[in-house]
Protein backbone atom coordinates (compact mmCIF):
# COMPACT_ATOMS: atom_id res chain seq x y z
CA MET A 1 -3.40 22.04 -43.04
CA THR A 2 -4.04 18.78 -45.47
CA LEU A 3 -3.78 15.19 -44.30
CA HIS A 4 -3.51 12.68 -46.94
CA THR A 5 -3.32 8.85 -45.62
CA GLN A 6 -3.11 6.09 -47.98
CA MET A 7 -3.73 2.53 -46.59
CA ALA A 8 -0.65 0.05 -47.18
CA PRO A 9 -1.91 -3.16 -48.92
CA THR A 10 -0.99 -5.15 -46.30
CA ALA A 11 -3.01 -2.90 -43.24
CA THR A 12 -6.56 -4.93 -43.98
CA ILE A 13 -4.29 -8.08 -43.04
CA ALA A 14 -2.77 -6.36 -40.03
CA ARG A 15 -5.77 -4.90 -38.69
CA VAL A 16 -7.64 -8.52 -38.92
CA GLN A 17 -4.02 -10.22 -37.03
CA ASN A 18 -4.55 -7.47 -34.36
CA GLN A 19 -7.95 -8.17 -33.72
CA PHE A 20 -6.99 -12.27 -33.64
CA ASP A 21 -4.65 -11.51 -31.27
CA ARG A 22 -6.82 -9.22 -29.02
CA ILE A 23 -9.24 -12.25 -28.88
CA LEU A 24 -6.83 -14.22 -27.97
CA GLU A 25 -5.11 -12.54 -25.18
CA THR A 26 -8.65 -11.67 -23.63
CA SER A 27 -9.57 -15.31 -23.81
CA MET A 28 -5.81 -16.59 -22.28
CA ASN A 29 -6.79 -14.02 -19.32
CA THR A 30 -9.17 -15.59 -16.97
CA ALA A 31 -9.45 -12.00 -15.09
CA MET A 32 -11.52 -11.08 -18.53
CA MET A 33 -13.55 -13.96 -18.65
CA PRO A 34 -17.35 -14.05 -17.30
CA VAL A 35 -18.09 -16.28 -14.42
CA ALA A 36 -20.61 -18.25 -16.82
CA MET A 37 -21.15 -17.93 -20.27
CA PRO A 38 -25.15 -18.96 -21.34
CA GLN A 39 -26.15 -19.54 -24.84
CA HIS A 40 -27.14 -16.08 -25.12
CA GLY A 41 -23.99 -14.73 -23.69
CA PRO A 42 -21.97 -13.74 -20.62
CA ILE A 43 -23.61 -13.19 -17.20
CA MET A 44 -24.30 -9.34 -17.14
CA PRO A 45 -22.93 -7.80 -14.83
CA MET A 46 -19.85 -9.07 -13.67
CA LEU A 47 -19.46 -8.76 -9.82
CA ASN A 48 -17.28 -9.32 -6.70
CA ILE A 49 -18.99 -9.73 -3.51
CA TYR A 50 -16.70 -9.23 -0.11
CA GLU A 51 -17.78 -8.64 3.23
CA THR A 52 -16.78 -7.07 6.67
CA GLN A 53 -17.86 -7.85 10.02
CA ASP A 54 -21.00 -5.34 9.83
CA ARG A 55 -21.26 -4.77 6.22
CA ILE A 56 -21.20 -6.84 2.54
CA PHE A 57 -20.34 -5.12 -0.41
CA VAL A 58 -21.04 -5.99 -3.81
CA GLU A 59 -19.16 -4.40 -6.71
CA ALA A 60 -20.59 -4.78 -10.51
CA GLU A 61 -19.03 -3.36 -13.76
CA LEU A 62 -21.40 -1.25 -15.37
CA PRO A 63 -19.55 0.79 -18.09
CA GLY A 64 -21.70 3.43 -19.59
CA VAL A 65 -24.69 2.86 -17.13
CA PRO A 66 -25.62 6.01 -15.26
CA LEU A 67 -26.72 5.06 -11.81
CA ASP A 68 -29.84 6.56 -12.76
CA ASP A 69 -30.63 3.75 -15.00
CA VAL A 70 -30.00 0.95 -12.16
CA ASP A 71 -32.32 -0.21 -9.73
CA VAL A 72 -31.06 -2.53 -6.61
CA THR A 73 -33.45 -4.72 -4.65
CA VAL A 74 -33.23 -6.51 -1.84
CA VAL A 75 -35.44 -9.41 -0.91
CA GLY A 76 -34.21 -11.62 2.15
CA ASN A 77 -30.63 -12.39 1.17
CA GLN A 78 -31.15 -12.13 -2.58
CA LEU A 79 -29.84 -8.99 -4.34
CA THR A 80 -31.10 -8.17 -7.78
CA ILE A 81 -29.32 -5.35 -10.13
CA THR A 82 -31.51 -4.25 -12.81
CA GLY A 83 -30.68 -1.89 -15.30
CA ARG A 84 -30.00 -0.44 -19.13
CA ARG A 85 -27.37 1.09 -21.24
CA THR A 86 -28.88 3.01 -23.85
CA LEU A 87 -26.07 3.71 -26.90
CA LEU A 88 -26.29 7.09 -27.92
CA ILE A 89 -24.98 8.28 -31.46
CA PRO A 90 -25.73 11.79 -32.87
CA GLU A 91 -27.98 11.66 -35.92
CA GLU A 92 -25.34 13.06 -38.36
CA ALA A 93 -22.86 10.21 -37.29
CA ALA A 94 -22.54 7.34 -39.14
CA ILE A 95 -21.08 3.80 -37.16
CA VAL A 96 -17.88 2.31 -38.28
CA THR A 97 -17.20 -0.22 -35.55
CA LYS A 98 -19.86 -1.52 -33.01
CA GLU A 99 -18.53 -3.15 -30.05
CA ARG A 100 -20.93 -2.15 -27.17
CA GLY A 101 -24.68 -1.29 -27.84
CA SER A 102 -27.94 -0.55 -26.13
CA LEU A 103 -28.51 -3.45 -23.32
CA LYS A 104 -30.99 -4.07 -20.35
CA PHE A 105 -29.44 -6.56 -17.59
CA GLN A 106 -30.62 -8.45 -14.46
CA ARG A 107 -28.56 -9.94 -12.31
CA THR A 108 -29.67 -11.87 -9.23
CA VAL A 109 -27.22 -13.30 -6.52
CA LEU A 110 -27.50 -14.85 -3.07
CA LEU A 111 -25.60 -12.70 -0.67
CA PRO A 112 -24.05 -14.44 2.47
CA ASP A 113 -26.21 -13.19 5.17
CA MET A 114 -29.47 -11.45 5.79
CA VAL A 115 -29.39 -7.67 5.62
CA ARG A 116 -31.05 -4.48 6.95
CA GLU A 117 -32.67 -2.53 4.37
CA GLU A 118 -32.20 0.78 6.24
CA GLY A 119 -28.45 2.01 5.36
CA ILE A 120 -28.29 0.09 2.14
CA ARG A 121 -26.03 2.42 0.23
CA ALA A 122 -25.28 2.56 -3.76
CA SER A 123 -22.82 4.41 -5.52
CA MET A 124 -20.93 4.67 -8.96
CA ARG A 125 -17.57 5.42 -9.77
CA LYS A 126 -15.84 5.10 -13.18
CA GLY A 127 -18.28 2.35 -14.66
CA ILE A 128 -18.18 0.29 -11.16
CA LEU A 129 -21.43 0.35 -9.00
CA THR A 130 -20.64 -0.19 -5.30
CA VAL A 131 -23.41 -1.30 -2.93
CA SER A 132 -22.64 -1.50 0.62
CA LEU A 133 -25.23 -3.52 2.73
CA PRO A 134 -25.32 -3.52 6.35
CA ARG A 135 -25.85 -6.92 7.74
CA MET A 136 -28.43 -8.00 10.12
CA ASN A 137 -26.66 -9.22 12.98
CA THR A 138 -22.74 -8.09 12.90
CA ILE A 139 -20.34 -11.26 12.90
CA VAL A 140 -17.00 -12.35 14.72
CA ASP A 141 -16.42 -15.82 13.63
CA ARG A 142 -15.21 -15.86 10.38
CA GLY A 143 -12.00 -15.11 10.52
CA PHE A 144 -12.48 -11.38 10.92
CA PRO A 145 -10.20 -9.60 13.66
CA MET A 146 -11.58 -8.53 16.57
CA ALA A 147 -12.57 -4.80 16.90
């Protein structure tokens, strides 16, 4: 089977317009915006922290980063996530568009409480790293329901 395609004269303009629309839509969606935008780019990785009576959970967006390339360190009540993503392109391939590339990242955050080293768990699912940290002391005074 032979497939022939011909680009319409307006295709280039439409492609630029679509990309511009995508940029505007993303900038209007605050859920897609990084928490802070320093000079060198967005803070990476973006994350959420939530807590229960006995654990603190940190979820970090790490698309394309295998768990083996992530290091999680806890010192006191500081959590540091360090890692790298490597762009793998076959030698015989040529890049047409490159919006994601190789990168190294490090993010340090203060946790709302001290945690115990034993019992820390990390897992990766669909590009989301979840770190579960047991609290040093169980809390009952932050509005959590009593067990």
